[in-house]
Protein backbone atom coordinates (compact mmCIF):
# COMPACT_ATOMS: atom_id res chain seq x y z
CA MET A 1 19.18 -53.69 58.39
CA THR A 2 18.92 -57.03 60.10
CA ASP A 3 15.27 -56.92 60.06
CA ILE A 4 15.35 -56.33 56.15
CA LYS A 5 17.17 -58.95 55.47
CA LEU A 6 14.91 -61.23 57.38
CA SER A 7 12.01 -59.82 55.97
CA CYS A 8 13.31 -60.51 52.41
CA SER A 9 14.48 -64.02 52.94
CA SER A 10 11.41 -65.48 54.89
CA PRO A 11 9.32 -67.84 52.91
CA SER A 12 6.19 -66.71 51.68
CA SER A 13 2.85 -68.48 52.29
CA PRO A 14 0.95 -69.41 49.31
CA ASP A 15 -2.20 -67.17 50.14
CA ASP A 16 0.00 -64.48 49.85
CA ASP A 17 1.40 -65.48 46.86
CA ASP A 18 -1.87 -66.15 45.25
CA ASN A 19 -2.77 -62.25 46.62
CA PHE A 20 -0.05 -60.80 45.05
CA GLU A 21 -0.27 -62.43 41.94
CA ARG A 22 -4.04 -61.39 41.65
CA ASP A 23 -3.15 -57.42 42.97
CA LEU A 24 -0.59 -57.47 40.16
CA GLN A 25 -2.75 -58.80 37.67
CA GLU A 26 -5.83 -56.31 38.66
CA MET A 27 -3.37 -53.22 38.57
CA LEU A 28 -1.94 -53.97 35.35
CA GLU A 29 -5.54 -54.35 33.93
CA ASP A 30 -6.55 -51.34 35.57
CA GLY A 31 -3.62 -48.99 34.70
CA PRO A 32 -2.99 -46.81 31.54
CA SER A 33 -1.74 -48.83 28.47
CA LEU A 34 1.78 -48.89 27.49
CA ASN A 35 1.14 -46.43 24.46
CA GLU A 36 -0.60 -44.10 26.43
CA VAL A 37 1.78 -43.56 29.13
CA THR A 38 4.56 -42.93 26.47
CA SER A 39 2.70 -40.64 24.31
CA ASN A 40 1.54 -38.87 27.28
CA VAL A 41 4.97 -38.56 28.42
CA GLN A 42 6.61 -38.01 24.98
CA GLY A 43 3.77 -35.23 24.78
CA GLY A 44 5.38 -33.27 27.54
CA THR A 45 2.68 -34.04 30.51
CA PRO A 46 4.73 -36.13 33.14
CA ASN A 47 2.65 -34.53 36.07
CA SER A 48 -0.72 -35.83 34.77
CA VAL A 49 0.21 -39.13 34.03
CA SER A 50 2.54 -39.76 37.11
CA ALA A 51 -0.85 -38.55 39.09
CA THR A 52 -3.29 -40.53 37.93
CA PHE A 53 -1.01 -43.61 37.86
CA ALA A 54 -0.13 -43.17 41.24
CA GLU A 55 -3.82 -42.94 42.32
CA GLN A 56 -4.59 -46.71 40.71
CA VAL A 57 -1.44 -48.23 42.33
CA GLY A 58 -2.27 -46.06 45.56
CA PRO A 59 -2.90 -49.66 47.59
CA PHE A 60 0.17 -51.48 46.51
CA SER A 61 2.58 -47.87 47.71
CA ALA A 62 0.77 -46.66 50.59
CA GLY A 63 3.88 -48.19 52.65
CA ALA A 64 6.63 -46.38 50.59
CA ASN A 65 8.64 -44.21 52.29
CA PRO A 66 10.87 -41.53 49.87
CA ALA A 67 13.72 -43.80 50.09
CA GLY A 68 12.06 -46.76 48.43
CA ILE A 69 12.11 -49.42 51.27
CA THR A 70 8.92 -50.64 52.97
CA SER A 71 8.39 -51.91 56.74
CA THR A 72 8.44 -55.83 57.15
CA SER A 73 4.55 -56.38 56.98
CA GLY A 74 4.81 -59.13 54.05
CA SER A 75 6.51 -59.85 50.78
CA ALA A 76 3.33 -58.83 48.63
CA GLY A 77 3.82 -54.82 50.04
CA ILE A 78 7.45 -55.09 49.26
CA TYR A 79 7.12 -56.14 45.63
CA GLY A 80 4.48 -54.04 45.60
CA SER A 81 5.86 -50.98 46.52
CA SER A 82 9.22 -51.33 44.68
CA SER A 83 7.39 -51.91 41.31
CA ALA A 84 5.33 -48.84 41.86
CA GLY A 85 7.96 -46.54 43.09
CA ALA A 86 10.28 -47.57 39.90
CA ARG A 87 7.67 -47.23 37.73
CA LEU A 88 6.71 -43.78 39.17
CA THR A 89 10.65 -42.61 38.73
CA ARG A 90 10.87 -43.62 35.16
CA SER A 91 7.98 -41.25 34.84
CA TYR A 92 9.47 -38.20 35.94
CA THR A 93 13.24 -39.23 34.57
CA VAL A 94 11.87 -39.70 31.18
CA PRO A 95 14.46 -37.15 28.97
CA ALA A 96 12.82 -34.42 26.50
CA SER A 97 12.24 -35.46 23.03
CA THR A 98 15.51 -33.77 20.97
CA SER A 99 13.76 -34.35 17.53
CA VAL A 100 13.00 -29.88 17.55
CA PRO A 101 16.58 -28.35 16.73
CA LEU A 102 17.29 -25.62 19.12
CA TYR A 103 18.08 -22.85 16.78
CA GLY A 104 20.39 -19.97 17.88
CA SER A 105 22.67 -22.67 19.55
CA GLY A 106 25.96 -23.08 18.53
CA ASN A 107 25.46 -26.58 16.49
CA SER A 108 22.22 -25.85 14.58
CA GLY A 109 21.97 -26.62 11.35
CA SER A 110 23.80 -23.60 9.06
CA ASN A 111 23.61 -25.19 5.76
CA SER A 112 20.02 -24.61 5.67
CA THR A 113 19.43 -21.82 8.17
CA GLY A 114 21.52 -18.51 8.74
CA ASN A 115 22.95 -17.74 12.10
CA SER A 116 23.57 -13.76 13.17
CA PRO A 117 26.90 -13.34 15.20
CA ASN A 118 24.69 -13.07 18.39
CA GLY A 119 23.31 -16.77 17.93
CA ASP A 120 19.57 -15.71 16.82
CA PHE A 121 17.93 -17.86 13.91
CA ILE A 122 17.83 -16.35 10.71
CA PRO A 123 15.68 -18.37 8.00
CA LYS A 124 17.90 -18.56 4.63
CA SER A 125 14.69 -17.53 2.74
CA VAL A 126 14.55 -14.25 4.76
CA SER A 127 18.25 -13.48 4.58
CA LEU A 128 17.97 -13.27 0.77
CA VAL A 129 15.11 -11.06 1.16
CA ALA A 130 17.27 -8.97 3.18
CA GLN A 131 20.02 -8.88 0.64
CA ASN A 132 17.88 -8.02 -2.11
CA LYS A 133 16.28 -4.96 -0.19
CA ILE A 134 19.59 -3.67 0.61
CA GLU A 135 21.14 -4.15 -2.80
CA ILE A 136 17.78 -2.16 -4.36
CA ILE A 137 18.05 0.54 -1.84
CA LYS A 138 21.79 0.66 -2.31
CA GLU A 139 21.03 1.31 -6.30
CA TRP A 140 18.71 3.76 -5.46
CA SER A 141 20.51 5.39 -3.24
CA LEU A 142 23.57 5.82 -5.67
CA ASN A 143 21.48 6.56 -8.43
CA THR A 144 19.21 9.28 -6.50
CA TYR A 145 22.74 10.73 -5.61
CA LYS A 146 24.39 10.83 -8.97
CA THR A 147 21.47 12.59 -10.22
CA THR A 148 20.91 15.29 -7.97
CA ARG A 149 24.59 16.22 -7.90
CA GLN A 150 24.15 16.46 -12.05
CA PHE A 151 21.04 18.92 -11.34
CA ILE A 152 22.83 21.12 -9.14
CA SER A 153 25.83 21.24 -11.58
CA GLU A 154 23.60 22.15 -14.16
CA ARG A 155 21.73 25.02 -11.85
CA LEU A 156 25.02 26.39 -11.03
CA GLY A 157 26.28 26.41 -14.66
CA ARG A 158 29.24 23.85 -14.45
CA GLY A 159 27.74 20.85 -15.85
CA SER A 160 26.90 19.69 -19.59
CA ARG A 161 23.46 18.73 -20.27
CA THR A 162 22.25 16.88 -23.51
CA VAL A 163 19.87 19.45 -25.10
CA ASP A 164 17.75 18.46 -28.16
CA LEU A 165 15.98 21.90 -29.45
CA GLU A 166 13.17 20.87 -31.74
CA MET A 167 12.05 18.57 -28.35
CA GLU A 168 12.65 21.37 -25.61
CA ALA A 169 10.70 23.81 -28.14
CA ASN A 170 7.60 21.05 -28.85
CA ILE A 171 7.30 20.18 -24.75
CA GLU A 172 7.49 24.06 -24.08
CA SER A 173 4.72 24.71 -26.93
CA LEU A 174 2.53 21.34 -24.99
CA ARG A 175 3.00 23.15 -22.11
CA ASP A 176 1.52 26.60 -23.28
CA VAL A 177 -1.01 24.93 -24.64
CA GLN A 178 -2.57 23.47 -21.31
CA ARG A 179 -2.06 26.88 -19.57
CA LYS A 180 -4.06 28.53 -22.11
CA TYR A 181 -6.99 25.72 -22.03
CA THR A 182 -6.75 25.90 -18.30
CA ASN A 183 -7.61 29.30 -18.14
CA ILE A 184 -10.57 29.06 -20.92
CA LEU A 185 -11.97 25.98 -18.82
CA ARG A 186 -12.08 27.88 -15.61
CA MET A 187 -13.74 30.83 -17.49
CA ALA A 188 -16.51 28.74 -19.29
CA ARG A 189 -16.71 27.03 -15.31
CA ALA A 190 -17.81 30.51 -14.33
CA MET A 191 -20.09 31.28 -17.03
CA ALA A 192 -22.00 27.74 -16.36
CA SER A 193 -22.04 28.31 -12.48
CA HIS A 194 -23.38 32.29 -13.11
CA PHE A 195 -26.18 30.68 -16.10
CA HIS A 196 -27.13 28.03 -13.73
CA ASN A 197 -28.12 30.53 -11.20
CA VAL A 198 -30.23 32.78 -13.55
CA VAL A 199 -31.98 29.90 -14.57
CA GLN A 200 -32.92 29.12 -10.58
CA THR A 201 -33.82 32.60 -10.51
CA GLN A 202 -35.80 32.78 -13.39
CA ARG A 203 -37.73 30.05 -12.70
CA ALA A 204 -38.41 30.90 -8.79
CA LEU A 205 -39.61 34.29 -10.64
CA GLY A 206 -42.02 32.57 -12.72
CA GLU A 207 -43.61 30.80 -9.66
CA SER A 208 -44.25 34.08 -8.04
CA PHE A 209 -45.73 35.32 -11.03
CA SER A 210 -48.10 32.35 -11.05
CA GLU A 211 -48.99 32.45 -7.21
CA LEU A 212 -49.63 36.57 -7.77
CA ALA A 213 -51.90 35.72 -10.97
CA GLN A 214 -53.99 33.42 -8.58
CA LYS A 215 -54.18 36.05 -5.70
CA SER A 216 -54.85 39.35 -7.83
CA PRO A 217 -57.79 39.23 -10.41
CA GLU A 218 -56.83 42.36 -11.89
CA LEU A 219 -53.23 42.11 -12.63
CA GLN A 220 -54.05 38.11 -13.51
CA GLU A 221 -53.42 38.68 -17.61
CA GLU A 222 -49.96 40.53 -17.52
CA PHE A 223 -49.01 38.00 -14.41
CA LEU A 224 -49.43 35.24 -16.57
CA PHE A 225 -47.98 37.06 -19.64
CA ASN A 226 -44.72 37.47 -17.53
CA CYS A 227 -45.14 33.91 -16.00
CA GLU A 228 -44.68 31.82 -19.37
CA THR A 229 -42.21 34.31 -20.27
CA GLN A 230 -40.08 33.40 -17.54
CA ARG A 231 -41.08 29.70 -18.08
CA THR A 232 -39.83 29.85 -21.83
CA LEU A 233 -36.63 31.27 -20.90
CA VAL A 234 -36.19 28.71 -18.09
CA LYS A 235 -36.58 25.94 -20.92
CA ASN A 236 -34.68 27.45 -22.88
CA GLY A 237 -31.91 28.28 -20.71
CA GLU A 238 -31.82 24.68 -19.43
CA ILE A 239 -30.79 23.75 -22.76
CA LEU A 240 -28.01 26.11 -23.45
CA LEU A 241 -26.99 25.02 -19.81
CA GLY A 242 -26.52 21.50 -21.33
CA ALA A 243 -24.57 22.68 -24.00
CA LEU A 244 -22.26 24.68 -21.72
CA ASN A 245 -21.86 21.55 -19.26
CA PHE A 246 -20.91 19.52 -22.46
CA PHE A 247 -17.98 21.93 -23.63
CA VAL A 248 -16.73 22.44 -20.07
CA SER A 249 -16.88 18.41 -19.40
CA SER A 250 -14.66 17.86 -23.04
CA VAL A 251 -12.31 20.49 -22.74
CA ASN A 252 -11.60 19.51 -18.77
CA THR A 253 -11.09 15.87 -20.12
CA LEU A 254 -8.74 17.17 -22.63
CA VAL A 255 -6.48 19.57 -19.58
CA ASN A 256 -6.56 16.99 -17.07
CA LYS A 257 -6.21 13.73 -18.93
CA THR A 258 -5.09 13.68 -22.15
CA ILE A 259 -2.51 16.50 -22.04
CA GLU A 260 -1.52 15.57 -18.60
CA ASP A 261 -0.96 11.86 -19.75
CA THR A 262 1.43 13.32 -22.19
CA LEU A 263 2.97 15.74 -19.95
CA LEU A 264 3.43 12.71 -17.45
CA THR A 265 5.65 11.14 -20.47
CA VAL A 266 7.58 14.05 -20.76
CA LYS A 267 8.48 14.07 -16.55
CA ASN A 268 9.77 10.63 -17.41
CA TYR A 269 11.63 11.79 -20.25
CA GLU A 270 13.13 14.70 -18.26
CA GLY A 271 14.06 12.10 -15.54
CA ALA A 272 15.96 10.02 -17.75
CA ARG A 273 17.87 12.25 -19.59
CA LEU A 274 19.01 13.91 -16.28
CA GLU A 275 20.41 10.48 -15.30
CA PHE A 276 22.00 9.80 -18.96
CA ASP A 277 23.87 12.95 -18.42
CA ALA A 278 24.57 11.92 -14.78
CA TYR A 279 26.05 8.50 -15.72
CA ARG A 280 27.54 10.19 -19.20
CA THR A 281 29.71 12.36 -16.93
CA ASP A 282 30.82 9.60 -14.64
CA TYR A 283 32.20 7.43 -17.71
CA GLU A 284 33.79 10.57 -19.51
CA SER A 285 35.51 11.44 -16.39
CA LEU A 286 36.85 7.89 -15.57
CA GLU A 287 38.07 7.51 -19.26
CA ALA A 288 39.95 10.88 -19.19
CA GLY A 289 41.97 9.80 -16.09
CA PRO A 290 44.59 7.19 -15.43
CA LYS A 291 43.90 3.48 -16.75
CA ASP A 292 45.08 0.88 -13.93
CA ALA A 293 43.43 -2.12 -13.45
CA ALA A 294 41.04 -0.77 -10.57
CA VAL A 295 40.03 1.91 -12.92
CA GLN A 296 39.88 -0.48 -15.59
CA LEU A 297 36.67 -2.50 -13.62
CA ARG A 298 34.98 0.56 -12.90
CA LEU A 299 35.35 2.09 -16.33
CA GLN A 300 33.62 -1.05 -17.81
CA SER A 301 30.81 -1.08 -15.03
CA ALA A 302 30.27 3.04 -15.99
CA LYS A 303 30.14 1.98 -19.28
CA ARG A 304 27.48 -0.37 -18.96
CA LYS A 305 25.47 1.65 -16.78
CA PHE A 306 25.77 4.19 -19.32
CA GLU A 307 24.29 2.41 -21.92
CA GLU A 308 21.78 1.20 -20.35
CA HIS A 309 20.85 4.81 -19.57
CA LYS A 310 21.21 5.94 -22.74
CA LEU A 311 19.04 3.00 -24.33
CA LYS A 312 16.19 4.12 -21.56
CA PHE A 313 16.49 8.10 -22.86
CA GLU A 314 16.19 7.37 -26.59
CA ARG A 315 12.97 5.02 -25.93
CA LEU A 316 11.45 7.69 -24.02
CA ARG A 317 12.29 10.36 -26.50
CA GLY A 318 10.54 8.43 -29.12
CA ASP A 319 7.77 8.07 -27.01
CA VAL A 320 7.46 11.48 -26.35
CA GLN A 321 7.34 12.56 -29.71
CA VAL A 322 4.42 10.01 -30.79
CA LYS A 323 2.53 11.29 -28.10
CA ILE A 324 2.90 15.04 -28.63
CA ARG A 325 2.20 14.33 -32.36
CA PHE A 326 -1.20 12.33 -31.70
CA LEU A 327 -1.94 15.00 -29.14
CA ASP A 328 -2.20 17.67 -31.41
CA GLU A 329 -4.12 15.56 -34.10
CA ASN A 330 -6.82 15.10 -31.07
CA ARG A 331 -6.52 18.45 -29.98
CA VAL A 332 -7.89 19.95 -32.73
CA LYS A 333 -10.16 17.60 -33.51
CA VAL A 334 -11.86 17.61 -30.32
CA MET A 335 -11.47 21.73 -29.97
CA ARG A 336 -13.47 22.19 -33.65
CA LYS A 337 -16.31 20.39 -32.67
CA GLN A 338 -16.68 22.00 -29.00
CA LEU A 339 -16.04 25.60 -30.27
CA LEU A 340 -18.61 24.83 -33.01
CA LEU A 341 -21.18 23.53 -30.22
CA PHE A 342 -20.61 26.68 -28.21
CA HIS A 343 -21.13 29.14 -30.58
CA ASN A 344 -24.30 27.59 -32.34
CA ALA A 345 -25.69 27.32 -28.81
CA ILE A 346 -24.80 30.87 -27.73
CA SER A 347 -26.37 32.39 -30.84
CA ALA A 348 -29.31 30.37 -31.03
CA TYR A 349 -30.18 31.09 -27.27
CA PHE A 350 -29.30 34.69 -27.17
CA SER A 351 -30.84 35.54 -30.61
CA GLY A 352 -34.36 34.00 -29.22
CA ASN A 353 -34.13 30.84 -31.83
CA ALA A 354 -35.42 28.40 -29.76
CA THR A 355 -35.71 25.59 -32.63
CA ALA A 356 -32.17 26.00 -33.78
CA LEU A 357 -31.03 25.75 -30.20
CA GLU A 358 -32.85 22.20 -29.69
CA LEU A 359 -31.16 21.49 -33.43
CA THR A 360 -27.75 22.16 -31.86
CA LEU A 361 -28.12 19.62 -29.00
CA LYS A 362 -29.42 17.06 -31.14
CA GLN A 363 -26.51 17.53 -33.65
CA PHE A 364 -23.84 16.90 -30.87
CA ASN A 365 -25.88 13.83 -29.39
CA ILE A 366 -26.38 15.93 -25.99
CA GLN A 367 -28.98 14.15 -23.65
CA LEU A 368 -30.37 16.73 -21.26
CA LYS A 369 -30.86 15.42 -18.16
CA ARG A 370 -33.97 17.24 -16.90
CA PRO A 371 -34.75 17.75 -12.90
CA ASN A 372 -36.27 14.59 -11.05
CA ALA A 373 -35.86 12.53 -14.09
CA ASP A 374 -34.38 9.51 -12.19
CA LYS A 375 -37.18 9.25 -9.91
CA PRO A 376 -40.28 7.34 -10.95
CA SER A 377 -43.90 8.59 -11.50
CA TRP A 378 -46.25 8.59 -8.33
CA ILE A 379 -48.28 6.31 -10.58
CA GLU A 380 -45.21 3.52 -11.04
CA SER A 381 -44.64 4.13 -7.00
């Protein structure tokens, strides 16, 4: 302890003072700037800053012990080691930045964010979206329960249902038309498929006759006659096949698109009718019960729901009526054209009238797709 006091109170020579000032100036010039040190410390990398800085000030802190007390080797060493030790200590003890809120803590901002009971952070926007989804699921579950209960009660003969006799008859007639047209479509497809096989067989038979005509000179004339006959049948068969495919395509569009679209509207109408009867039953049961304050609130809510589903039911009923009327007009127009095409093509083919068969296709603007029609000729390629 006596040595320390003596070394601190001993006078320093002018040379020592000059050396200390010169060393201090070099340390300040070679060391990192204040902005760099500050940014690195706040950025969370105090270890790298301290290591670099300690390397630069190493000659001044070489004699420092862990307690920051140096040996009695001169006043310059004492002052240099104290300064370096103090700056190194500050680089390790800079407090962490508190500008970033710690979500989930007890004092986090609860006005702009939401916290769950266990302290987890829940953004406010996410909470609102979750609440909306919960409300939608709740509404859907309640509506499904009511409609299912109404459906079961109607099946068991316990619940009442709204019946429109004219509408029910039109819907049943439409479904019957779809079943019959689907049967026609199935048989027309089978006929077109079988006739396509016949045409392919006639083409192969004609090629065989032509080949035998070249190899059998004694029967060449007879083979050539049959070859030309089969080629004529193939040509006329392709024309009839084009008419059959056009008929199948038109009936398929009518059955699987036009009628199906109307039946989809009918399905929505029947679902709206079931919901309407379900909420009507609830409203009537509440209206027939006691009229206390709690029941009055439920009665008002039930009446509002009943009115909403009544408007939806009436709107869809009007849509079904309009679509059925337009469908009947379109169906008659399309089928009149297709049945005339089918009759003329079949009659012309089996009567051997090739001219009438070609005129039938021109009359209905049917373009035949010849084999290899999409491929360019060898001259163009």
